[in-house]
Amino acid sequence: MKKFDAVIVANGEFPTHTVPLAVLQEATHVVACDGAVRNVPQAEVVVGDGDSIPAAYRERLIQVDEQEDNDLTKATRYCLAQGWHRIAYLGATGKREDHTIGNISLLMRYYRTMGVDGVMLTNHGVFTPAQGRQTFESFEGQQVSIFNFGSTKIVSEGLRWQSYGYEEWWQGTLNEAVGDSFTLEADGYYLVFRTYDGC
């Protein structure tokens, strides 16, 4: 896993897997989304509307009251203002399903429109937004899913089943790496999920 400028911890399910925990431990900067500071008391700042932050951490709060965007986006804007573009997101999934889907889709928004070079780590694997031709590290038997964001063509090398321009999100799920890397080439954007462990 590459080195990140910052780790943003959201108030979803806090990770227990060693991969996201190692990313958090090695973080240069940790930013908490509102009440998530309970899980990362070492966070240097807390960003959000302040509705769920414990009183003990209020001196670190950067309060953003507007409700158009969620706390994850507010924390992302804070990081970008500091010049931190390589961002790992933790705790952004695992509780309410609507929040999970929303946060995963926001990862693509940050990549496409805000210049974030980011990943979202869960307890099971990592989401990585991409476009064009990209090569991903893998291992034999790693489970891979590809979610299309507007590509009409997706061609794969190094996966068990050939990719194509999926029209529905489910169509790109449940693929499998056959070696130590795989390559995707598309005429647009896509989101890749890779598991930490094999099938």
N, C-alpha and C. Protein backbone atom coordinates (compact mmCIF):
# COMPACT_ATOMS: atom_id res chain seq x y z
N MET A 1 0.85 -1.19 0.00
CA MET A 1 0.00 0.00 0.00
C MET A 1 0.89 1.24 0.00
N LYS A 2 0.55 2.21 -0.86
CA LYS A 2 1.37 3.41 -0.97
C LYS A 2 1.21 4.30 0.27
N LYS A 3 2.09 5.26 0.37
CA LYS A 3 2.06 6.21 1.48
C LYS A 3 1.05 7.31 1.16
N PHE A 4 0.29 7.71 2.15
CA PHE A 4 -0.74 8.73 1.95
C PHE A 4 -0.37 10.01 2.68
N ASP A 5 -0.86 11.14 2.13
CA ASP A 5 -0.67 12.42 2.80
C ASP A 5 -1.51 12.50 4.07
N ALA A 6 -2.70 11.91 4.00
CA ALA A 6 -3.63 12.00 5.13
C ALA A 6 -4.57 10.81 5.12
N VAL A 7 -5.08 10.50 6.31
CA VAL A 7 -6.13 9.50 6.47
C VAL A 7 -7.35 10.21 7.05
N ILE A 8 -8.49 10.04 6.39
CA ILE A 8 -9.76 10.57 6.89
C ILE A 8 -10.55 9.40 7.47
N VAL A 9 -10.97 9.55 8.72
CA VAL A 9 -11.74 8.49 9.38
C VAL A 9 -13.18 8.97 9.54
N ALA A 10 -14.09 8.25 8.90
CA ALA A 10 -15.51 8.56 8.98
C ALA A 10 -16.15 7.81 10.14
N ASN A 11 -17.42 8.09 10.38
CA ASN A 11 -18.10 7.56 11.57
C ASN A 11 -18.89 6.29 11.26
N GLY A 12 -18.39 5.49 10.29
CA GLY A 12 -18.99 4.20 10.02
C GLY A 12 -18.34 3.13 10.87
N GLU A 13 -18.26 1.92 10.31
CA GLU A 13 -17.65 0.80 11.03
C GLU A 13 -16.14 0.98 11.09
N PHE A 14 -15.60 1.08 12.29
CA PHE A 14 -14.15 1.26 12.43
C PHE A 14 -13.45 -0.04 12.04
N PRO A 15 -12.37 0.04 11.26
CA PRO A 15 -11.74 -1.18 10.76
C PRO A 15 -11.06 -2.00 11.85
N THR A 16 -11.05 -3.31 11.62
CA THR A 16 -10.33 -4.23 12.50
C THR A 16 -9.27 -5.02 11.73
N HIS A 17 -9.35 -5.01 10.41
CA HIS A 17 -8.37 -5.75 9.60
C HIS A 17 -7.01 -5.07 9.68
N THR A 18 -5.95 -5.87 9.58
CA THR A 18 -4.60 -5.32 9.74
C THR A 18 -4.21 -4.33 8.65
N VAL A 19 -4.75 -4.47 7.43
CA VAL A 19 -4.34 -3.56 6.35
C VAL A 19 -4.77 -2.12 6.63
N PRO A 20 -6.07 -1.84 6.84
CA PRO A 20 -6.43 -0.45 7.14
C PRO A 20 -5.83 0.06 8.44
N LEU A 21 -5.68 -0.82 9.43
CA LEU A 21 -5.08 -0.39 10.69
C LEU A 21 -3.62 0.01 10.50
N ALA A 22 -2.90 -0.69 9.62
CA ALA A 22 -1.51 -0.33 9.34
C ALA A 22 -1.44 1.02 8.63
N VAL A 23 -2.37 1.26 7.70
CA VAL A 23 -2.42 2.56 7.02
C VAL A 23 -2.65 3.68 8.03
N LEU A 24 -3.56 3.45 8.96
CA LEU A 24 -3.83 4.44 10.00
C LEU A 24 -2.62 4.67 10.88
N GLN A 25 -1.95 3.61 11.25
CA GLN A 25 -0.78 3.73 12.13
C GLN A 25 0.34 4.52 11.48
N GLU A 26 0.49 4.40 10.16
CA GLU A 26 1.57 5.06 9.45
C GLU A 26 1.18 6.45 8.96
N ALA A 27 -0.02 6.90 9.27
CA ALA A 27 -0.52 8.16 8.74
C ALA A 27 0.27 9.36 9.24
N THR A 28 0.60 10.26 8.33
CA THR A 28 1.24 11.52 8.70
C THR A 28 0.22 12.47 9.32
N HIS A 29 -0.98 12.50 8.74
CA HIS A 29 -2.06 13.35 9.24
C HIS A 29 -3.32 12.52 9.35
N VAL A 30 -4.04 12.67 10.47
CA VAL A 30 -5.32 11.99 10.68
C VAL A 30 -6.40 13.04 10.90
N VAL A 31 -7.46 12.94 10.10
CA VAL A 31 -8.59 13.87 10.18
C VAL A 31 -9.83 13.05 10.49
N ALA A 32 -10.57 13.43 11.52
CA ALA A 32 -11.78 12.72 11.90
C ALA A 32 -13.01 13.47 11.42
N CYS A 33 -14.01 12.70 10.99
CA CYS A 33 -15.31 13.29 10.65
C CYS A 33 -16.18 13.28 11.90
N ASP A 34 -16.35 14.43 12.50
CA ASP A 34 -17.25 14.61 13.64
C ASP A 34 -17.07 13.52 14.70
N GLY A 35 -18.11 12.72 14.96
CA GLY A 35 -18.06 11.76 16.05
C GLY A 35 -17.06 10.63 15.89
N ALA A 36 -16.46 10.48 14.71
CA ALA A 36 -15.44 9.44 14.50
C ALA A 36 -14.21 9.67 15.37
N VAL A 37 -14.07 10.85 15.91
CA VAL A 37 -12.90 11.14 16.76
C VAL A 37 -12.87 10.22 17.99
N ARG A 38 -14.00 9.63 18.34
CA ARG A 38 -14.00 8.66 19.46
C ARG A 38 -13.09 7.47 19.15
N ASN A 39 -13.00 7.11 17.87
CA ASN A 39 -12.16 5.98 17.46
C ASN A 39 -10.72 6.39 17.18
N VAL A 40 -10.50 7.67 16.90
CA VAL A 40 -9.15 8.15 16.60
C VAL A 40 -8.88 9.42 17.41
N PRO A 41 -8.73 9.29 18.73
CA PRO A 41 -8.50 10.48 19.56
C PRO A 41 -7.21 11.20 19.22
N GLN A 42 -6.33 10.54 18.43
CA GLN A 42 -5.08 11.18 18.01
C GLN A 42 -5.28 12.12 16.82
N ALA A 43 -6.49 12.20 16.27
CA ALA A 43 -6.74 13.06 15.10
C ALA A 43 -6.35 14.50 15.41
N GLU A 44 -5.66 15.12 14.45
CA GLU A 44 -5.22 16.50 14.69
C GLU A 44 -6.36 17.49 14.56
N VAL A 45 -7.35 17.18 13.72
CA VAL A 45 -8.53 18.03 13.61
C VAL A 45 -9.76 17.15 13.44
N VAL A 46 -10.90 17.74 13.79
CA VAL A 46 -12.21 17.12 13.58
C VAL A 46 -13.00 18.06 12.68
N VAL A 47 -13.52 17.51 11.57
CA VAL A 47 -14.22 18.35 10.61
C VAL A 47 -15.67 17.90 10.52
N GLY A 48 -16.59 18.86 10.53
CA GLY A 48 -18.00 18.53 10.38
C GLY A 48 -18.88 19.63 10.95
N ASP A 49 -20.16 19.30 11.10
CA ASP A 49 -21.09 20.31 11.62
C ASP A 49 -21.13 20.31 13.14
N GLY A 50 -20.40 19.40 13.77
CA GLY A 50 -20.28 19.39 15.23
C GLY A 50 -21.44 18.77 15.95
N ASP A 51 -22.32 18.07 15.23
CA ASP A 51 -23.53 17.55 15.88
C ASP A 51 -23.29 16.29 16.70
N SER A 52 -22.15 15.63 16.52
CA SER A 52 -21.92 14.38 17.25
C SER A 52 -20.53 14.30 17.88
N ILE A 53 -19.86 15.42 18.01
CA ILE A 53 -18.50 15.40 18.57
C ILE A 53 -18.56 15.50 20.09
N PRO A 54 -17.83 14.67 20.80
CA PRO A 54 -17.78 14.79 22.26
C PRO A 54 -17.17 16.12 22.68
N ALA A 55 -17.62 16.63 23.79
CA ALA A 55 -17.18 17.95 24.25
C ALA A 55 -15.67 18.02 24.43
N ALA A 56 -15.04 16.93 24.80
CA ALA A 56 -13.59 16.92 25.06
C ALA A 56 -12.76 17.25 23.82
N TYR A 57 -13.35 17.13 22.64
CA TYR A 57 -12.59 17.34 21.40
C TYR A 57 -13.00 18.62 20.66
N ARG A 58 -13.84 19.44 21.29
CA ARG A 58 -14.37 20.61 20.59
C ARG A 58 -13.30 21.63 20.23
N GLU A 59 -12.20 21.65 20.97
CA GLU A 59 -11.15 22.63 20.65
C GLU A 59 -10.46 22.29 19.33
N ARG A 60 -10.62 21.06 18.85
CA ARG A 60 -10.03 20.66 17.56
C ARG A 60 -11.03 20.73 16.40
N LEU A 61 -12.25 21.15 16.68
CA LEU A 61 -13.31 21.13 15.68
C LEU A 61 -13.15 22.26 14.66
N ILE A 62 -13.18 21.89 13.40
CA ILE A 62 -13.33 22.86 12.31
C ILE A 62 -14.77 22.72 11.84
N GLN A 63 -15.61 23.63 12.30
CA GLN A 63 -17.05 23.50 12.08
C GLN A 63 -17.44 24.04 10.71
N VAL A 64 -18.16 23.20 9.96
CA VAL A 64 -18.68 23.57 8.65
C VAL A 64 -20.17 23.26 8.70
N ASP A 65 -20.99 24.30 8.74
CA ASP A 65 -22.41 24.11 9.00
C ASP A 65 -23.24 23.77 7.76
N GLU A 66 -22.74 24.06 6.56
CA GLU A 66 -23.57 23.83 5.37
C GLU A 66 -23.92 22.34 5.26
N GLN A 67 -25.13 22.06 4.78
CA GLN A 67 -25.64 20.70 4.74
C GLN A 67 -25.74 20.12 3.33
N GLU A 68 -25.22 20.82 2.34
CA GLU A 68 -25.24 20.30 0.98
C GLU A 68 -24.35 19.07 0.85
N ASP A 69 -23.19 19.10 1.53
CA ASP A 69 -22.26 17.98 1.50
C ASP A 69 -22.14 17.34 2.88
N ASN A 70 -21.75 16.07 2.90
CA ASN A 70 -21.61 15.39 4.17
C ASN A 70 -20.23 15.66 4.78
N ASP A 71 -20.01 15.12 5.98
CA ASP A 71 -18.75 15.39 6.69
C ASP A 71 -17.55 14.81 5.97
N LEU A 72 -17.74 13.71 5.23
CA LEU A 72 -16.63 13.12 4.48
C LEU A 72 -16.12 14.10 3.43
N THR A 73 -17.03 14.76 2.76
CA THR A 73 -16.65 15.74 1.74
C THR A 73 -16.04 16.98 2.38
N LYS A 74 -16.57 17.40 3.52
CA LYS A 74 -16.01 18.55 4.22
C LYS A 74 -14.57 18.26 4.66
N ALA A 75 -14.34 17.04 5.16
CA ALA A 75 -12.99 16.65 5.57
C ALA A 75 -12.05 16.57 4.36
N THR A 76 -12.58 16.11 3.25
CA THR A 76 -11.77 16.05 2.01
C THR A 76 -11.37 17.46 1.57
N ARG A 77 -12.30 18.38 1.62
CA ARG A 77 -11.97 19.78 1.25
C ARG A 77 -10.91 20.35 2.19
N TYR A 78 -11.00 20.03 3.46
CA TYR A 78 -9.98 20.48 4.41
C TYR A 78 -8.61 19.95 4.01
N CYS A 79 -8.53 18.67 3.71
CA CYS A 79 -7.24 18.08 3.32
C CYS A 79 -6.69 18.73 2.05
N LEU A 80 -7.53 18.93 1.08
CA LEU A 80 -7.07 19.55 -0.17
C LEU A 80 -6.56 20.97 0.08
N ALA A 81 -7.19 21.68 1.00
CA ALA A 81 -6.74 23.03 1.33
C ALA A 81 -5.36 23.03 1.97
N GLN A 82 -5.00 21.89 2.59
CA GLN A 82 -3.66 21.77 3.18
C GLN A 82 -2.64 21.27 2.15
N GLY A 83 -3.10 20.96 0.94
CA GLY A 83 -2.21 20.41 -0.08
C GLY A 83 -2.06 18.91 -0.02
N TRP A 84 -2.96 18.24 0.69
CA TRP A 84 -2.90 16.78 0.84
C TRP A 84 -3.85 16.16 -0.18
N HIS A 85 -3.30 15.56 -1.21
CA HIS A 85 -4.13 14.99 -2.28
C HIS A 85 -4.18 13.46 -2.24
N ARG A 86 -3.19 12.82 -1.64
CA ARG A 86 -3.18 11.35 -1.52
C ARG A 86 -3.87 11.02 -0.20
N ILE A 87 -5.12 10.56 -0.28
CA ILE A 87 -5.96 10.40 0.90
C ILE A 87 -6.48 8.97 0.99
N ALA A 88 -6.38 8.38 2.18
CA ALA A 88 -7.00 7.09 2.47
C ALA A 88 -8.23 7.34 3.35
N TYR A 89 -9.33 6.69 2.99
CA TYR A 89 -10.58 6.84 3.73
C TYR A 89 -10.87 5.55 4.51
N LEU A 90 -11.09 5.68 5.80
CA LEU A 90 -11.42 4.55 6.67
C LEU A 90 -12.74 4.82 7.37
N GLY A 91 -13.43 3.77 7.76
CA GLY A 91 -14.67 3.94 8.51
C GLY A 91 -15.80 4.55 7.71
N ALA A 92 -15.74 4.44 6.39
CA ALA A 92 -16.75 5.06 5.53
C ALA A 92 -17.85 4.09 5.12
N THR A 93 -17.77 2.83 5.55
CA THR A 93 -18.76 1.81 5.20
C THR A 93 -19.15 1.04 6.45
N GLY A 94 -20.11 0.12 6.29
CA GLY A 94 -20.34 -0.88 7.32
C GLY A 94 -21.48 -0.64 8.29
N LYS A 95 -22.11 0.52 8.25
CA LYS A 95 -23.28 0.73 9.11
C LYS A 95 -24.50 0.86 8.21
N ARG A 96 -25.09 2.05 8.09
CA ARG A 96 -26.26 2.18 7.23
C ARG A 96 -25.87 1.99 5.77
N GLU A 97 -26.64 1.17 5.06
CA GLU A 97 -26.31 0.85 3.68
C GLU A 97 -26.39 2.06 2.75
N ASP A 98 -27.32 2.98 3.01
CA ASP A 98 -27.41 4.16 2.14
C ASP A 98 -26.18 5.04 2.30
N HIS A 99 -25.66 5.15 3.54
CA HIS A 99 -24.43 5.90 3.76
C HIS A 99 -23.25 5.21 3.07
N THR A 100 -23.22 3.88 3.15
CA THR A 100 -22.14 3.13 2.52
C THR A 100 -22.10 3.37 1.02
N ILE A 101 -23.25 3.23 0.35
CA ILE A 101 -23.29 3.43 -1.11
C ILE A 101 -22.94 4.87 -1.45
N GLY A 102 -23.47 5.81 -0.68
CA GLY A 102 -23.16 7.22 -0.93
C GLY A 102 -21.68 7.52 -0.79
N ASN A 103 -21.05 7.01 0.26
CA ASN A 103 -19.63 7.28 0.48
C ASN A 103 -18.75 6.64 -0.59
N ILE A 104 -19.09 5.42 -1.00
CA ILE A 104 -18.32 4.77 -2.06
C ILE A 104 -18.41 5.58 -3.35
N SER A 105 -19.60 6.06 -3.68
CA SER A 105 -19.74 6.85 -4.91
C SER A 105 -19.03 8.19 -4.79
N LEU A 106 -18.93 8.73 -3.57
CA LEU A 106 -18.20 9.98 -3.38
C LEU A 106 -16.71 9.82 -3.70
N LEU A 107 -16.17 8.64 -3.48
CA LEU A 107 -14.76 8.40 -3.81
C LEU A 107 -14.50 8.69 -5.28
N MET A 108 -15.44 8.30 -6.15
CA MET A 108 -15.30 8.60 -7.57
C MET A 108 -15.46 10.10 -7.84
N ARG A 109 -16.37 10.74 -7.14
CA ARG A 109 -16.53 12.19 -7.29
C ARG A 109 -15.23 12.92 -6.94
N TYR A 110 -14.61 12.53 -5.83
CA TYR A 110 -13.36 13.19 -5.41
C TYR A 110 -12.26 12.99 -6.45
N TYR A 111 -12.21 11.82 -7.04
CA TYR A 111 -11.20 11.51 -8.06
C TYR A 111 -11.44 12.30 -9.34
N ARG A 112 -12.70 12.34 -9.79
CA ARG A 112 -13.02 12.97 -11.08
C ARG A 112 -12.99 14.48 -11.03
N THR A 113 -13.51 15.06 -9.95
CA THR A 113 -13.73 16.50 -9.96
C THR A 113 -12.88 17.29 -8.98
N MET A 114 -12.21 16.61 -8.03
CA MET A 114 -11.47 17.33 -7.00
C MET A 114 -9.98 17.02 -7.00
N GLY A 115 -9.55 16.11 -7.85
CA GLY A 115 -8.12 15.80 -7.96
C GLY A 115 -7.57 14.97 -6.83
N VAL A 116 -8.42 14.19 -6.15
CA VAL A 116 -7.97 13.35 -5.05
C VAL A 116 -7.41 12.04 -5.60
N ASP A 117 -6.23 11.68 -5.15
CA ASP A 117 -5.64 10.38 -5.44
C ASP A 117 -5.89 9.53 -4.21
N GLY A 118 -7.07 8.89 -4.17
CA GLY A 118 -7.49 8.27 -2.92
C GLY A 118 -7.94 6.84 -3.07
N VAL A 119 -8.04 6.18 -1.92
CA VAL A 119 -8.60 4.83 -1.82
C VAL A 119 -9.50 4.79 -0.60
N MET A 120 -10.43 3.84 -0.61
CA MET A 120 -11.30 3.62 0.54
C MET A 120 -11.08 2.20 1.02
N LEU A 121 -10.62 2.08 2.27
CA LEU A 121 -10.31 0.77 2.84
C LEU A 121 -11.42 0.34 3.79
N THR A 122 -11.89 -0.90 3.61
CA THR A 122 -12.92 -1.45 4.47
C THR A 122 -12.30 -2.60 5.27
N ASN A 123 -13.13 -3.36 5.94
CA ASN A 123 -12.62 -4.54 6.65
C ASN A 123 -12.36 -5.71 5.71
N HIS A 124 -12.75 -5.58 4.45
CA HIS A 124 -12.64 -6.70 3.52
C HIS A 124 -11.72 -6.43 2.34
N GLY A 125 -11.56 -5.17 1.97
CA GLY A 125 -10.75 -4.84 0.81
C GLY A 125 -10.65 -3.36 0.59
N VAL A 126 -10.21 -3.00 -0.61
CA VAL A 126 -9.93 -1.59 -0.92
C VAL A 126 -10.58 -1.20 -2.24
N PHE A 127 -11.25 -0.04 -2.23
CA PHE A 127 -11.81 0.56 -3.43
C PHE A 127 -10.81 1.55 -4.00
N THR A 128 -10.58 1.49 -5.32
CA THR A 128 -9.67 2.41 -5.99
C THR A 128 -10.34 2.97 -7.24
N PRO A 129 -10.53 4.29 -7.35
CA PRO A 129 -11.07 4.87 -8.58
C PRO A 129 -9.98 4.95 -9.64
N ALA A 130 -10.39 4.83 -10.90
CA ALA A 130 -9.40 4.83 -11.98
C ALA A 130 -10.06 5.28 -13.28
N GLN A 131 -9.21 5.52 -14.27
CA GLN A 131 -9.69 5.81 -15.62
C GLN A 131 -8.62 5.36 -16.61
N GLY A 132 -9.04 5.16 -17.87
CA GLY A 132 -8.08 4.78 -18.90
C GLY A 132 -7.43 3.44 -18.62
N ARG A 133 -6.13 3.37 -18.87
CA ARG A 133 -5.38 2.12 -18.67
C ARG A 133 -4.65 2.17 -17.34
N GLN A 134 -4.91 1.19 -16.48
CA GLN A 134 -4.29 1.13 -15.16
C GLN A 134 -3.92 -0.33 -14.86
N THR A 135 -2.78 -0.49 -14.19
CA THR A 135 -2.35 -1.80 -13.72
C THR A 135 -2.43 -1.84 -12.20
N PHE A 136 -2.96 -2.93 -11.67
CA PHE A 136 -3.19 -3.07 -10.24
C PHE A 136 -2.41 -4.26 -9.70
N GLU A 137 -1.77 -4.09 -8.55
CA GLU A 137 -1.14 -5.22 -7.89
C GLU A 137 -2.22 -6.18 -7.41
N SER A 138 -1.90 -7.47 -7.46
CA SER A 138 -2.86 -8.48 -7.03
C SER A 138 -2.13 -9.73 -6.60
N PHE A 139 -2.87 -10.78 -6.37
CA PHE A 139 -2.29 -12.09 -6.11
C PHE A 139 -3.27 -13.12 -6.66
N GLU A 140 -2.77 -14.30 -6.95
CA GLU A 140 -3.63 -15.34 -7.51
C GLU A 140 -4.76 -15.67 -6.54
N GLY A 141 -5.97 -15.63 -7.04
CA GLY A 141 -7.14 -15.91 -6.22
C GLY A 141 -7.76 -14.69 -5.57
N GLN A 142 -7.14 -13.51 -5.72
CA GLN A 142 -7.73 -12.29 -5.16
C GLN A 142 -9.06 -12.01 -5.85
N GLN A 143 -10.06 -11.69 -5.06
CA GLN A 143 -11.37 -11.37 -5.61
C GLN A 143 -11.41 -9.91 -6.03
N VAL A 144 -11.92 -9.67 -7.23
CA VAL A 144 -11.90 -8.35 -7.84
C VAL A 144 -13.29 -8.02 -8.38
N SER A 145 -13.76 -6.82 -8.10
CA SER A 145 -15.00 -6.33 -8.68
C SER A 145 -14.74 -4.99 -9.35
N ILE A 146 -15.41 -4.75 -10.47
CA ILE A 146 -15.23 -3.52 -11.24
C ILE A 146 -16.59 -2.86 -11.41
N PHE A 147 -16.69 -1.61 -11.02
CA PHE A 147 -17.93 -0.85 -11.13
C PHE A 147 -17.73 0.25 -12.16
N ASN A 148 -18.56 0.24 -13.17
CA ASN A 148 -18.41 1.15 -14.30
C ASN A 148 -19.03 2.51 -13.99
N PHE A 149 -18.30 3.57 -14.29
CA PHE A 149 -18.79 4.94 -14.15
C PHE A 149 -18.70 5.65 -15.50
N GLY A 150 -19.44 5.15 -16.49
CA GLY A 150 -19.55 5.84 -17.76
C GLY A 150 -18.69 5.33 -18.90
N SER A 151 -17.92 4.28 -18.68
CA SER A 151 -17.12 3.72 -19.77
C SER A 151 -18.01 2.90 -20.70
N THR A 152 -17.75 2.98 -21.99
CA THR A 152 -18.46 2.12 -22.94
C THR A 152 -17.63 0.89 -23.28
N LYS A 153 -16.33 0.92 -22.90
CA LYS A 153 -15.44 -0.21 -23.16
C LYS A 153 -14.53 -0.41 -21.97
N ILE A 154 -14.44 -1.63 -21.48
CA ILE A 154 -13.48 -2.00 -20.45
C ILE A 154 -12.87 -3.35 -20.86
N VAL A 155 -11.58 -3.37 -21.05
CA VAL A 155 -10.87 -4.59 -21.44
C VAL A 155 -9.91 -4.95 -20.32
N SER A 156 -9.86 -6.24 -19.97
CA SER A 156 -9.02 -6.67 -18.85
C SER A 156 -7.97 -7.67 -19.30
N GLU A 157 -6.82 -7.62 -18.62
CA GLU A 157 -5.76 -8.61 -18.76
C GLU A 157 -5.40 -9.07 -17.35
N GLY A 158 -5.33 -10.38 -17.14
CA GLY A 158 -4.93 -10.90 -15.83
C GLY A 158 -6.08 -11.20 -14.90
N LEU A 159 -7.31 -11.18 -15.42
CA LEU A 159 -8.47 -11.58 -14.64
C LEU A 159 -9.06 -12.86 -15.24
N ARG A 160 -9.73 -13.65 -14.41
CA ARG A 160 -10.27 -14.93 -14.88
C ARG A 160 -11.32 -14.73 -15.97
N TRP A 161 -12.16 -13.71 -15.84
CA TRP A 161 -13.20 -13.45 -16.83
C TRP A 161 -12.99 -12.08 -17.46
N GLN A 162 -13.13 -12.02 -18.77
CA GLN A 162 -12.90 -10.78 -19.52
C GLN A 162 -13.93 -9.72 -19.13
N SER A 163 -13.45 -8.50 -18.97
CA SER A 163 -14.32 -7.38 -18.65
C SER A 163 -14.92 -6.79 -19.92
N TYR A 164 -15.96 -5.98 -19.76
CA TYR A 164 -16.61 -5.29 -20.87
C TYR A 164 -17.27 -4.03 -20.33
N GLY A 165 -17.93 -3.28 -21.16
CA GLY A 165 -18.56 -2.04 -20.72
C GLY A 165 -19.85 -2.30 -19.96
N TYR A 166 -19.70 -2.69 -18.69
CA TYR A 166 -20.85 -3.08 -17.88
C TYR A 166 -21.91 -1.97 -17.84
N GLU A 167 -23.16 -2.37 -18.02
CA GLU A 167 -24.27 -1.41 -17.92
C GLU A 167 -24.86 -1.36 -16.52
N GLU A 168 -24.65 -2.41 -15.74
CA GLU A 168 -25.15 -2.47 -14.37
C GLU A 168 -23.99 -2.78 -13.43
N TRP A 169 -24.06 -2.27 -12.21
CA TRP A 169 -22.96 -2.46 -11.27
C TRP A 169 -22.69 -3.93 -10.97
N TRP A 170 -23.74 -4.75 -10.87
CA TRP A 170 -23.56 -6.15 -10.50
C TRP A 170 -22.77 -6.93 -11.56
N GLN A 171 -22.79 -6.46 -12.80
CA GLN A 171 -22.17 -7.23 -13.89
C GLN A 171 -20.65 -7.35 -13.74
N GLY A 172 -20.03 -6.40 -13.08
CA GLY A 172 -18.58 -6.43 -12.95
C GLY A 172 -18.07 -7.03 -11.65
N THR A 173 -18.98 -7.59 -10.87
CA THR A 173 -18.57 -8.15 -9.58
C THR A 173 -18.09 -9.59 -9.72
N LEU A 174 -17.41 -10.07 -8.69
CA LEU A 174 -17.05 -11.48 -8.54
C LEU A 174 -16.09 -11.99 -9.60
N ASN A 175 -15.13 -11.15 -10.00
CA ASN A 175 -14.06 -11.61 -10.87
C ASN A 175 -12.89 -12.06 -9.99
N GLU A 176 -11.80 -12.50 -10.62
CA GLU A 176 -10.70 -13.06 -9.83
C GLU A 176 -9.37 -12.85 -10.54
N ALA A 177 -8.36 -12.40 -9.80
CA ALA A 177 -7.02 -12.23 -10.37
C ALA A 177 -6.36 -13.60 -10.53
N VAL A 178 -5.57 -13.74 -11.60
CA VAL A 178 -4.90 -15.02 -11.84
C VAL A 178 -3.39 -14.91 -11.63
N GLY A 179 -2.89 -13.74 -11.24
CA GLY A 179 -1.46 -13.58 -11.02
C GLY A 179 -1.18 -12.40 -10.11
N ASP A 180 0.04 -11.85 -10.22
CA ASP A 180 0.47 -10.80 -9.30
C ASP A 180 0.11 -9.39 -9.77
N SER A 181 -0.59 -9.28 -10.88
CA SER A 181 -1.11 -7.98 -11.34
C SER A 181 -2.20 -8.21 -12.37
N PHE A 182 -3.01 -7.20 -12.58
CA PHE A 182 -3.97 -7.22 -13.69
C PHE A 182 -4.09 -5.81 -14.22
N THR A 183 -4.49 -5.70 -15.47
CA THR A 183 -4.58 -4.41 -16.14
C THR A 183 -5.98 -4.21 -16.70
N LEU A 184 -6.49 -3.01 -16.53
CA LEU A 184 -7.78 -2.63 -17.11
C LEU A 184 -7.56 -1.46 -18.05
N GLU A 185 -8.23 -1.50 -19.18
CA GLU A 185 -8.18 -0.38 -20.12
C GLU A 185 -9.60 0.00 -20.49
N ALA A 186 -9.93 1.27 -20.28
CA ALA A 186 -11.30 1.74 -20.50
C ALA A 186 -11.27 3.10 -21.18
N ASP A 187 -12.41 3.46 -21.74
CA ASP A 187 -12.53 4.79 -22.36
C ASP A 187 -13.21 5.78 -21.43
N GLY A 188 -13.23 5.46 -20.15
CA GLY A 188 -13.85 6.34 -19.16
C GLY A 188 -13.40 5.95 -17.76
N TYR A 189 -14.28 6.20 -16.79
CA TYR A 189 -13.96 5.98 -15.38
C TYR A 189 -14.54 4.66 -14.88
N TYR A 190 -13.89 4.10 -13.86
CA TYR A 190 -14.37 2.88 -13.23
C TYR A 190 -13.79 2.79 -11.82
N LEU A 191 -14.41 1.97 -11.01
CA LEU A 191 -14.00 1.79 -9.62
C LEU A 191 -13.68 0.31 -9.40
N VAL A 192 -12.50 0.04 -8.83
CA VAL A 192 -12.05 -1.34 -8.63
C VAL A 192 -12.05 -1.66 -7.15
N PHE A 193 -12.59 -2.83 -6.81
CA PHE A 193 -12.53 -3.34 -5.44
C PHE A 193 -11.68 -4.61 -5.44
N ARG A 194 -10.67 -4.66 -4.55
CA ARG A 194 -9.81 -5.83 -4.40
C ARG A 194 -9.84 -6.28 -2.95
N THR A 195 -10.03 -7.57 -2.74
CA THR A 195 -10.04 -8.10 -1.38
C THR A 195 -8.62 -8.21 -0.85
N TYR A 196 -8.48 -8.18 0.47
CA TYR A 196 -7.17 -8.39 1.10
C TYR A 196 -6.78 -9.85 1.05
N ASP A 197 -7.76 -10.72 1.18
CA ASP A 197 -7.52 -12.15 1.25
C ASP A 197 -8.13 -12.83 0.02
N GLY A 198 -7.76 -14.09 -0.22
CA GLY A 198 -8.27 -14.84 -1.35
C GLY A 198 -9.71 -15.29 -1.14
N CYS A 199 -10.20 -16.11 -2.06
CA CYS A 199 -11.59 -16.55 -1.99
C CYS A 199 -11.79 -17.56 -0.87
